[in-house]
Protein backbone atom coordinates (compact mmCIF):
# COMPACT_ATOMS: atom_id res chain seq x y z
CA MET A 1 3.42 -13.02 66.67
CA GLY A 2 4.97 -15.65 68.89
CA PHE A 3 3.98 -18.51 66.62
CA LEU A 4 5.22 -16.57 63.60
CA ASP A 5 8.58 -16.09 65.33
CA GLY A 6 8.76 -19.84 65.90
CA LEU A 7 7.98 -20.41 62.23
CA MET A 8 10.79 -18.08 61.18
CA THR A 9 13.20 -19.82 63.56
CA VAL A 10 12.42 -23.32 62.28
CA PHE A 11 12.64 -22.25 58.64
CA GLN A 12 16.11 -20.85 58.97
CA ILE A 13 18.18 -22.99 56.60
CA HIS A 14 20.42 -24.63 59.20
CA ASN A 15 17.49 -25.34 61.55
CA LEU A 16 15.38 -26.83 58.77
CA VAL A 17 18.26 -29.02 57.59
CA LEU A 18 18.85 -30.32 61.12
CA LEU A 19 15.12 -30.95 61.58
CA ILE A 20 15.01 -33.00 58.37
CA LEU A 21 18.18 -34.83 59.38
CA GLY A 22 16.71 -35.56 62.81
CA VAL A 23 13.49 -36.99 61.35
CA VAL A 24 15.37 -39.22 58.88
CA LEU A 25 17.82 -40.47 61.52
CA GLY A 26 14.92 -41.07 63.91
CA ILE A 27 13.08 -43.12 61.27
CA ILE A 28 16.18 -45.19 60.52
CA VAL A 29 16.92 -45.95 64.18
CA GLY A 30 13.24 -46.55 64.92
CA ALA A 31 13.02 -48.99 62.02
CA ILE A 32 15.95 -51.07 63.31
CA PRO A 33 14.37 -53.90 65.32
CA GLY A 34 15.10 -53.59 69.01
CA LEU A 35 16.15 -49.95 68.91
CA THR A 36 13.89 -47.11 69.97
CA ALA A 37 13.35 -43.37 69.77
CA THR A 38 14.75 -43.18 73.31
CA LEU A 39 18.01 -44.71 72.10
CA ALA A 40 18.10 -42.44 69.05
CA ILE A 41 17.85 -39.29 71.18
CA SER A 42 20.31 -40.66 73.77
CA LEU A 43 22.89 -41.32 71.04
CA LEU A 44 22.49 -38.04 69.19
CA LEU A 45 21.93 -35.72 72.18
CA PRO A 46 25.66 -34.98 72.69
CA PHE A 47 25.97 -33.68 69.13
CA THR A 48 23.53 -30.87 69.94
CA PHE A 49 25.64 -29.31 72.71
CA SER A 50 27.45 -26.91 70.39
CA LEU A 51 24.13 -25.72 68.98
CA GLU A 52 21.85 -22.98 70.25
CA ALA A 53 19.11 -24.26 72.55
CA SER A 54 16.32 -23.74 70.00
CA THR A 55 18.33 -25.43 67.23
CA ALA A 56 19.19 -28.39 69.44
CA LEU A 57 15.57 -28.91 70.49
CA ILE A 58 14.35 -28.62 66.90
CA MET A 59 16.64 -31.50 65.91
CA LEU A 60 15.67 -33.59 68.94
CA ILE A 61 11.96 -33.11 68.24
CA GLY A 62 12.61 -34.34 64.70
CA ILE A 63 14.30 -37.47 66.06
CA TYR A 64 11.35 -38.04 68.40
CA VAL A 65 8.74 -37.74 65.64
CA GLY A 66 10.71 -39.93 63.24
CA GLY A 67 11.65 -42.53 65.85
CA ILE A 68 8.06 -43.27 66.86
CA TYR A 69 6.97 -43.71 63.23
CA GLY A 70 10.02 -45.67 62.03
CA GLY A 71 9.08 -48.90 63.77
CA SER A 72 6.05 -49.35 61.51
CA ILE A 73 8.18 -49.89 58.39
CA THR A 74 9.80 -53.14 59.46
CA ALA A 75 6.63 -54.13 61.35
CA ILE A 76 4.76 -54.17 58.04
CA LEU A 77 7.48 -55.46 55.71
CA LEU A 78 9.15 -58.01 57.99
CA ARG A 79 6.73 -58.58 60.90
CA THR A 80 9.56 -57.28 63.05
CA PRO A 81 8.45 -54.10 64.85
CA GLY A 82 11.31 -51.65 65.04
CA THR A 83 9.86 -50.26 68.27
CA PRO A 84 7.47 -51.75 70.86
CA ALA A 85 4.89 -49.12 69.84
CA ALA A 86 4.70 -50.69 66.37
CA ALA A 87 3.85 -54.18 67.64
CA ALA A 88 0.11 -53.57 67.14
CA THR A 89 0.81 -52.34 63.59
CA SER A 90 2.32 -55.69 62.62
CA LEU A 91 -0.91 -57.53 63.53
CA ASP A 92 -2.58 -56.36 60.32
CA GLY A 93 0.32 -54.73 58.49
CA TYR A 94 2.24 -57.93 57.81
CA PRO A 95 -0.84 -59.93 56.70
CA LEU A 96 -1.49 -57.12 54.20
CA MET A 97 2.13 -57.52 53.06
CA GLN A 98 1.56 -61.23 52.54
CA LYS A 99 -1.47 -60.39 50.40
CA GLY A 100 0.70 -58.23 48.15
CA GLN A 101 -0.62 -55.00 49.70
CA GLY A 102 2.51 -53.98 51.59
CA GLY A 103 2.66 -50.61 49.83
CA ARG A 104 -0.95 -49.92 50.72
CA ALA A 105 -0.23 -50.75 54.37
CA LEU A 106 2.85 -48.50 54.38
CA GLY A 107 0.89 -45.65 52.82
CA ILE A 108 -1.90 -45.97 55.39
CA ALA A 109 0.62 -46.23 58.26
CA THR A 110 2.50 -43.14 57.09
CA SER A 111 -0.64 -41.07 56.53
CA ALA A 112 -2.14 -42.18 59.85
CA SER A 113 1.09 -41.30 61.65
CA PHE A 114 1.02 -37.84 60.08
CA ILE A 115 -2.63 -37.21 60.95
CA GLY A 116 -2.22 -38.46 64.52
CA GLY A 117 0.88 -36.32 65.00
CA GLN A 118 -0.80 -33.19 63.68
CA ILE A 119 -3.95 -33.62 65.77
CA SER A 120 -1.79 -34.00 68.88
CA CYS A 121 0.09 -30.82 67.86
CA ILE A 122 -3.17 -28.87 67.96
CA PHE A 123 -3.77 -29.96 71.55
CA LEU A 124 -0.12 -29.27 72.42
CA ILE A 125 -0.32 -25.70 71.12
CA PHE A 126 -3.65 -24.78 72.73
CA LEU A 127 -3.50 -26.70 76.02
CA SER A 128 0.12 -26.10 77.03
CA PRO A 129 -0.18 -22.33 77.68
CA LEU A 130 -3.34 -22.87 79.76
CA ILE A 131 -1.67 -25.50 81.94
CA SER A 132 1.50 -23.41 82.31
CA ASN A 133 -0.50 -20.37 83.46
CA PHE A 134 -2.02 -22.55 86.16
CA ALA A 135 1.34 -24.06 87.15
CA ILE A 136 3.01 -20.63 87.48
CA LYS A 137 1.48 -20.48 90.98
CA PHE A 138 3.62 -23.39 92.20
CA SER A 139 5.93 -22.98 95.20
CA SER A 140 8.40 -25.52 96.63
CA ALA A 141 5.60 -27.49 98.32
CA GLU A 142 3.65 -27.82 95.07
CA TYR A 143 6.79 -28.79 93.18
CA PHE A 144 7.51 -31.52 95.72
CA ALA A 145 3.97 -32.88 95.34
CA LEU A 146 4.35 -32.71 91.56
CA ALA A 147 7.67 -34.58 91.71
CA ILE A 148 6.11 -37.28 93.90
CA PHE A 149 3.29 -37.60 91.40
CA GLY A 150 5.86 -37.86 88.61
CA LEU A 151 7.77 -40.56 90.47
CA THR A 152 4.61 -42.67 90.73
CA ILE A 153 4.94 -43.09 86.96
CA ILE A 154 7.42 -45.79 87.97
CA PHE A 155 4.40 -48.00 88.69
CA SER A 156 3.17 -47.45 85.11
CA VAL A 157 6.46 -48.11 83.32
CA SER A 158 7.44 -51.17 85.35
CA GLY A 159 5.21 -53.58 83.45
CA LYS A 160 4.54 -56.87 85.16
CA TYR A 161 7.62 -56.56 87.39
CA LEU A 162 6.20 -53.96 89.74
CA LEU A 163 8.46 -54.65 92.73
CA LYS A 164 11.55 -54.66 90.54
CA GLY A 165 10.42 -51.40 88.97
CA VAL A 166 10.13 -49.82 92.42
CA ILE A 167 13.59 -51.11 93.35
CA ALA A 168 14.97 -49.67 90.08
CA GLY A 169 13.38 -46.33 90.94
CA LEU A 170 14.99 -46.39 94.38
CA ILE A 171 18.35 -47.10 92.74
CA GLY A 172 17.88 -43.96 90.66
CA LEU A 173 17.08 -41.93 93.77
CA VAL A 174 20.20 -43.22 95.53
CA ILE A 175 22.28 -42.29 92.49
CA ASN A 176 20.90 -38.77 92.81
CA THR A 177 22.29 -38.39 96.33
CA VAL A 178 25.90 -38.70 95.14
CA GLY A 179 27.73 -35.37 94.80
CA PHE A 180 27.75 -31.89 96.30
CA ASP A 181 24.64 -31.07 98.34
CA VAL A 182 23.31 -27.74 97.02
CA ILE A 183 21.37 -27.00 100.23
CA VAL A 184 24.11 -27.33 102.86
CA ALA A 185 27.17 -27.30 100.57
CA TYR A 186 28.54 -30.67 101.69
CA PRO A 187 29.81 -33.60 99.59
CA ARG A 188 27.73 -36.76 99.89
CA PHE A 189 28.83 -40.33 99.14
CA THR A 190 31.87 -39.22 97.15
CA PHE A 191 34.29 -41.44 99.13
CA GLY A 192 37.10 -38.97 98.51
CA VAL A 193 36.79 -39.22 94.71
CA ARG A 194 36.97 -35.66 93.36
CA SER A 195 35.24 -36.52 90.07
CA LEU A 196 32.15 -37.57 92.05
CA MET A 197 31.74 -34.09 93.56
CA ILE A 198 29.39 -33.24 90.70
CA GLY A 199 27.56 -36.54 91.11
CA PHE A 200 26.71 -38.76 88.17
CA PRO A 201 26.05 -36.48 85.17
CA LEU A 202 22.73 -37.07 83.45
CA LEU A 203 24.01 -37.54 79.91
CA PRO A 204 26.61 -40.31 80.50
CA ALA A 205 24.09 -42.08 82.73
CA ILE A 206 21.41 -42.02 80.02
CA ILE A 207 23.83 -43.10 77.29
CA GLY A 208 25.01 -45.96 79.45
CA LEU A 209 21.55 -47.10 80.50
CA PHE A 210 19.91 -47.01 77.09
CA ALA A 211 22.68 -47.22 74.48
CA LEU A 212 25.53 -49.27 75.93
CA SER A 213 23.22 -51.74 77.67
CA GLU A 214 21.46 -52.24 74.32
CA LEU A 215 24.85 -52.76 72.70
CA LEU A 216 25.66 -55.53 75.18
CA ARG A 217 22.25 -57.13 74.58
CA LEU A 218 22.80 -57.13 70.82
CA PHE A 219 26.28 -58.56 71.28
CA LYS A 220 24.98 -61.41 73.42
CA ALA A 221 22.22 -62.20 70.91
CA GLY A 222 24.83 -62.89 68.24
CA VAL A 223 24.74 -62.24 64.51
CA ASP A 224 21.27 -62.51 63.08
CA ASP A 225 20.29 -64.13 59.82
CA ASP A 226 19.85 -62.00 56.73
CA ASP A 227 16.32 -60.79 56.14
CA ALA A 228 15.01 -59.87 52.73
CA ILE A 229 12.71 -57.02 51.83
CA HIS A 230 9.96 -58.26 49.57
CA ASP A 231 9.88 -56.76 46.11
CA ASN A 232 6.10 -56.94 45.74
CA VAL A 233 5.45 -53.95 47.97
CA GLY A 234 3.60 -52.03 45.30
CA ARG A 235 2.34 -48.46 45.41
CA ILE A 236 2.89 -46.67 48.72
CA LEU A 237 1.06 -43.41 48.00
CA PRO A 238 -2.32 -43.84 49.75
CA ARG A 239 -5.54 -43.69 47.77
CA TRP A 240 -8.20 -41.14 48.64
CA PRO A 241 -11.02 -43.74 49.04
CA ASP A 242 -8.96 -45.50 51.72
CA LEU A 243 -8.36 -42.30 53.67
CA ARG A 244 -12.01 -41.28 53.39
CA GLN A 245 -13.05 -44.71 54.69
CA LEU A 246 -10.73 -44.31 57.67
CA LYS A 247 -11.58 -40.74 58.69
CA TRP A 248 -13.43 -41.62 61.91
CA VAL A 249 -10.90 -44.30 62.87
CA LEU A 250 -8.09 -41.78 62.42
CA LEU A 251 -9.84 -39.09 64.44
CA LYS A 252 -10.83 -41.36 67.33
CA SER A 253 -7.46 -43.10 67.53
CA SER A 254 -5.60 -39.79 67.37
CA LEU A 255 -7.63 -38.46 70.30
CA ILE A 256 -6.95 -41.67 72.24
CA GLY A 257 -3.22 -41.36 71.55
CA THR A 258 -3.11 -37.69 72.56
CA PHE A 259 -4.95 -38.38 75.82
CA ILE A 260 -2.82 -41.39 76.74
CA GLY A 261 0.34 -39.50 75.77
CA ALA A 262 -0.56 -36.71 78.17
CA LEU A 263 -0.86 -39.24 81.01
CA PRO A 264 2.62 -39.47 82.54
CA GLY A 265 4.07 -42.95 82.18
CA ALA A 266 1.61 -44.39 79.65
CA GLY A 267 3.39 -43.90 76.32
CA ALA A 268 3.02 -45.05 72.73
CA ASN A 269 3.06 -48.78 73.51
CA ILE A 270 -0.15 -48.55 75.50
CA ALA A 271 -1.78 -46.03 73.16
CA SER A 272 -1.35 -48.20 70.06
CA PHE A 273 -2.94 -51.28 71.63
CA VAL A 274 -5.75 -49.34 73.31
CA ALA A 275 -6.66 -47.68 70.00
CA TYR A 276 -6.35 -50.99 68.13
CA SER A 277 -8.65 -52.81 70.57
CA GLU A 278 -11.15 -49.94 70.54
CA CYS A 279 -11.18 -49.95 66.74
CA LYS A 280 -11.77 -53.69 66.70
CA ARG A 281 -14.49 -53.43 69.35
CA THR A 282 -16.50 -50.88 67.36
CA SER A 283 -15.85 -52.39 63.93
CA LYS A 284 -18.61 -53.99 61.87
CA THR A 285 -16.13 -56.71 60.85
CA PRO A 286 -14.06 -57.48 63.98
CA GLU A 287 -13.35 -60.99 62.68
CA LEU A 288 -11.10 -59.52 59.98
CA PHE A 289 -8.68 -57.95 62.45
CA GLY A 290 -5.38 -59.80 62.55
CA LYS A 291 -5.92 -61.11 59.03
CA GLY A 292 -4.98 -57.93 57.17
CA ILE A 293 -7.30 -54.92 57.45
CA ILE A 294 -6.31 -51.29 56.95
CA GLU A 295 -8.38 -50.11 59.94
CA GLY A 296 -6.02 -51.97 62.29
CA VAL A 297 -2.95 -50.31 60.79
CA ALA A 298 -4.56 -46.87 60.83
CA ALA A 299 -5.72 -47.15 64.45
CA SER A 300 -2.35 -48.27 65.77
CA GLU A 301 -0.22 -45.76 63.88
CA SER A 302 -2.41 -42.70 64.39
CA ALA A 303 -2.52 -43.42 68.14
CA ASN A 304 1.18 -44.06 68.73
CA ASN A 305 2.22 -40.96 66.79
CA ALA A 306 -0.40 -38.82 68.52
CA VAL A 307 1.48 -39.62 71.71
CA THR A 308 4.34 -37.33 70.59
CA GLY A 309 2.36 -34.13 71.05
CA GLY A 310 0.45 -35.44 74.04
CA ALA A 311 3.57 -36.48 75.95
CA LEU A 312 5.16 -33.06 75.41
CA ILE A 313 2.29 -31.35 77.25
CA PRO A 314 3.17 -32.47 80.82
CA MET A 315 6.89 -32.28 80.08
CA LEU A 316 6.82 -28.65 78.97
CA THR A 317 4.17 -27.35 81.36
CA LEU A 318 4.94 -29.27 84.56
CA GLY A 319 8.41 -30.70 84.00
CA VAL A 320 7.00 -34.23 84.25
CA PRO A 321 7.90 -36.54 81.33
CA GLY A 322 5.03 -38.27 79.58
CA ASP A 323 7.14 -41.30 78.60
CA ALA A 324 10.73 -42.56 78.45
CA VAL A 325 11.51 -40.46 75.36
CA THR A 326 10.34 -37.22 76.94
CA ALA A 327 12.31 -38.14 80.07
CA VAL A 328 15.43 -37.92 77.91
CA LEU A 329 14.12 -34.72 76.28
CA LEU A 330 13.61 -33.33 79.79
CA GLY A 331 17.26 -34.02 80.42
CA ALA A 332 18.12 -32.30 77.14
CA LEU A 333 16.31 -29.14 78.25
CA THR A 334 18.15 -29.19 81.56
CA ILE A 335 21.52 -29.69 79.88
CA GLN A 336 20.77 -26.68 77.67
CA GLY A 337 20.31 -24.59 80.80
CA LEU A 338 16.50 -24.48 80.57
CA GLN A 339 14.12 -25.37 83.40
CA PRO A 340 11.07 -27.28 82.12
CA GLY A 341 7.84 -26.11 83.66
CA PRO A 342 5.66 -23.03 83.74
CA LEU A 343 8.60 -20.60 83.92
CA LEU A 344 9.80 -21.90 80.56
CA PHE A 345 6.71 -20.37 78.94
CA ARG A 346 7.28 -17.02 80.61
CA ASN A 347 11.08 -16.78 80.30
CA ASN A 348 11.67 -18.58 76.98
CA PRO A 349 8.61 -18.16 74.74
CA GLY A 350 10.82 -18.40 71.66
CA ILE A 351 11.92 -21.91 72.66
CA ILE A 352 8.32 -22.97 73.23
CA ASN A 353 7.15 -21.65 69.84
CA SER A 354 10.09 -23.33 68.11
CA ILE A 355 9.08 -26.63 69.69
CA PHE A 356 5.47 -26.16 68.56
CA VAL A 357 6.42 -25.38 64.96
CA SER A 358 9.13 -28.05 64.74
CA THR A 359 6.59 -30.69 65.84
CA ILE A 360 4.24 -29.65 63.03
CA VAL A 361 6.96 -29.41 60.38
CA GLY A 362 8.61 -32.61 61.64
CA ASN A 363 5.40 -34.52 60.99
CA ILE A 364 5.28 -33.13 57.44
CA VAL A 365 8.89 -34.24 56.86
CA MET A 366 8.02 -37.65 58.31
CA LEU A 367 5.09 -37.97 55.90
CA LEU A 368 7.20 -37.16 52.83
CA THR A 369 10.11 -39.35 53.96
CA GLY A 370 7.84 -42.29 54.69
CA LEU A 371 5.99 -42.09 51.38
CA PHE A 372 9.09 -41.85 49.23
CA LEU A 373 11.89 -43.56 51.17
CA ALA A 374 10.22 -46.29 53.24
CA LYS A 375 11.58 -49.24 51.25
CA ALA A 376 15.10 -47.80 51.17
CA ILE A 377 15.05 -47.16 54.94
CA ALA A 378 13.85 -50.71 55.56
CA LYS A 379 16.90 -52.07 53.74
CA ILE A 380 19.19 -49.91 55.89
CA ALA A 381 17.35 -51.01 59.04
CA ILE A 382 18.14 -54.71 58.62
CA MET A 383 21.91 -54.27 58.60
CA LYS A 384 23.86 -57.04 60.28
CA LYS A 385 24.70 -56.74 63.94
CA THR A 386 28.40 -57.02 63.07
CA THR A 387 27.96 -53.58 61.47
CA LEU A 388 25.42 -52.17 63.91
CA ILE A 389 27.26 -52.92 67.16
CA PRO A 390 30.47 -50.95 66.34
CA ILE A 391 28.39 -47.97 65.15
CA ILE A 392 26.43 -47.84 68.41
CA ALA A 393 29.62 -48.26 70.44
CA ILE A 394 31.42 -45.42 68.67
CA PHE A 395 28.47 -43.03 68.88
CA SER A 396 27.95 -43.85 72.56
CA MET A 397 31.53 -43.23 73.63
CA ILE A 398 31.86 -40.06 71.55
CA GLY A 399 28.60 -38.83 73.05
CA ALA A 400 29.70 -39.49 76.63
CA TYR A 401 33.05 -37.77 76.04
CA ALA A 402 31.84 -34.81 73.98
CA ALA A 403 29.84 -32.91 76.62
CA GLU A 404 32.83 -31.88 78.72
CA SER A 405 35.71 -33.67 76.96
CA SER A 406 35.93 -35.93 79.99
CA LEU A 407 37.31 -39.46 80.13
CA ALA A 408 35.58 -39.80 83.49
CA HIS A 409 32.23 -39.38 81.74
CA MET A 410 33.14 -42.24 79.39
CA LYS A 411 33.89 -44.43 82.40
CA ILE A 412 30.56 -43.46 83.98
CA ALA A 413 28.72 -44.36 80.75
CA VAL A 414 30.44 -47.77 80.67
CA ILE A 415 29.58 -48.42 84.34
CA PHE A 416 25.93 -47.50 83.77
CA GLY A 417 25.88 -49.59 80.59
CA ILE A 418 27.14 -52.71 82.37
CA ALA A 419 24.81 -52.09 85.31
CA GLY A 420 21.86 -51.49 82.96
CA TYR A 421 22.57 -54.70 81.06
CA ILE A 422 22.82 -56.75 84.26
CA LEU A 423 19.62 -55.25 85.62
CA GLU A 424 17.74 -55.95 82.37
CA GLN A 425 18.93 -59.55 82.41
CA MET A 426 17.38 -59.77 85.88
CA ASP A 427 14.12 -58.27 84.52
CA PHE A 428 14.62 -54.87 86.18
CA PRO A 429 13.20 -52.12 83.92
CA LEU A 430 15.55 -49.22 83.16
CA ALA A 431 12.96 -46.48 82.63
CA PRO A 432 12.32 -46.06 86.40
CA ILE A 433 16.05 -45.43 86.97
CA ALA A 434 16.13 -42.69 84.33
CA LEU A 435 12.91 -41.22 85.69
CA SER A 436 14.27 -41.10 89.24
CA ILE A 437 17.52 -39.51 88.09
CA VAL A 438 15.57 -36.78 86.28
CA LEU A 439 12.96 -36.09 89.00
CA GLY A 440 14.89 -37.05 92.14
CA SER A 441 16.70 -33.73 92.52
CA LEU A 442 13.47 -31.77 92.08
CA ALA A 443 11.76 -33.87 94.75
CA GLU A 444 14.60 -33.62 97.29
CA ASN A 445 15.39 -29.93 96.81
CA SER A 446 11.73 -28.88 96.83
CA PHE A 447 11.05 -30.99 99.93
CA ARG A 448 13.92 -29.49 101.88
CA ALA A 449 13.25 -25.95 100.67
CA ALA A 450 9.61 -26.23 101.73
CA LEU A 451 10.56 -27.44 105.22
CA ILE A 452 13.12 -24.65 105.58
CA ARG A 453 10.51 -22.10 104.54
CA SER A 454 7.97 -23.48 107.04
CA GLY A 455 10.44 -23.89 109.90
CA GLY A 456 10.12 -27.67 109.78
CA ASP A 457 6.32 -27.73 109.76
CA TRP A 458 5.19 -30.72 107.68
CA ARG A 459 1.73 -29.22 107.28
CA ILE A 460 3.07 -26.95 104.54
CA PHE A 461 2.56 -29.81 102.07
CA PHE A 462 -1.16 -29.77 102.84
CA HIS A 463 -1.79 -26.02 102.91
CA SER A 464 -2.22 -25.75 99.16
CA ALA A 465 -5.09 -27.39 97.28
CA ILE A 466 -2.72 -27.99 94.36
CA SER A 467 -0.22 -30.01 96.44
CA VAL A 468 -3.03 -31.93 98.14
CA VAL A 469 -4.51 -32.89 94.76
CA PHE A 470 -1.14 -34.04 93.39
CA LEU A 471 -0.37 -36.05 96.52
CA ALA A 472 -3.86 -37.59 96.43
CA ILE A 473 -3.43 -38.55 92.76
CA ALA A 474 -0.02 -40.01 93.57
CA ALA A 475 -1.48 -42.08 96.41
CA ALA A 476 -4.33 -43.24 94.17
CA SER A 477 -1.86 -44.22 91.44
CA VAL A 478 0.11 -46.35 93.90
CA PHE A 479 -3.07 -47.91 95.30
CA PHE A 480 -4.49 -48.89 91.90
CA ALA A 481 -1.14 -50.17 90.68
CA LEU A 482 -0.81 -52.40 93.75
CA ARG A 483 -4.43 -53.53 93.42
CA ASN A 484 -3.99 -54.44 89.75
CA GLN A 485 -0.78 -56.29 90.57
CA TYR A 486 -2.60 -58.22 93.32
CA LYS A 487 -5.45 -59.13 90.97
CA ALA A 488 -3.04 -60.27 88.27
CA SER A 489 -1.19 -62.38 90.83
CA LYS A 490 -4.41 -64.00 92.06
CA GLU A 491 -5.55 -64.72 88.49
CA SER A 492 -2.23 -66.33 87.59
CA GLN A 493 -2.38 -68.47 90.72
CA GLY A 494 -5.93 -69.45 89.87
CA GLY A 495 -4.93 -70.38 86.33
CA ALA A 496 -2.00 -72.41 87.61
CA SER A 497 -4.21 -74.35 90.01
CA LEU A 498 -6.50 -75.27 87.12
């Protein structure tokens, strides 16, 4: 009955309209080169505050699904991936476009995205309740260990700048200490500024980090040259023989994407390239990859869209985001007054079922939109920066102001935007800051609550097998990240000496 209730909720007229709108907006933003699903959700999140929690999340899920897929459109037609996750798609998508098979590539990409998304939904629906039932046993010590494990994702999302990623994460943790201490009821680092008593609100911080910093980057890059969408795209609707030929590629790549999505910190970027390389490795014609082959497009797109369902699993069940997009979605849940984690399944089953159904329906909307509107969306996506920059600026400032009608929030967004831009120019990744802001409070409050409960006995963090396992995994994650960084450094030094 629960799933049926979710179905009825999603198919209410206003919810369905907002889901469709979210998917279309996500596709458009995702197709714009340089913009991402994270930015799309950050920009549109404030406009969901006046909505019921289920309605708001239905729209945000639509944006997520559409944003991940949207990057493939310009990757194929222009060799300009709208999102980093679509970079692998361009390797074979654009060569197919040059051969006059752009429509075929778009049709395969859209169908593969749909199939990958739906397979990941199956795992989301069946695995999430099992994991949440296990996680319901968590106490403050287990939550601290979980938060520490979540914070080690910083090592995964930092790329080649590991030290800078760690520093960025520490910046996020310091930001979390500003405001009224909920444990001892004392203001911290407010410097007498009353507006800082509540700390730095999550929403203005996210808008500043991801939207306004991107605005400054676009402004610095200057006005780009006009691009042209080719007219020889041809038929987009995929042919049955192509889909039948790709069935095993689609299944394997979708499973890869779901698994990688469920690993906190991995994300669609990694999933698409892992699936692409695995498809090439097992292909009978690996020499054709990169020259225009539909298997390459199918592998990349089914994997990066399978990440959507996979990444929602740890976010919903444990409160740990699977990637940067779900980190923002985690913030959206919190802003709506919901606590992600096992209690969400027990206290708000209607919300969970709405998320499940909206993910399935969102993928169907994405399929139909991609098949019939891909060329039109591509033309919208290549708008000049002189048009794009003011739109992002207006949406960002309205979004920062709208939550509490606060000019102070607008100032905070601007500060975070300038800081985010400066940090990016210095090669500091922004995802670790957002991750620390989201998980920092959970880590601190759980840590202090556990010590209060144990009378200051540190052994409480090692009494439970669950907390020991999470802490061990966290330590292993740090160890392997440092080892890989050391190996990469040695290899680069060796190459330089040659």
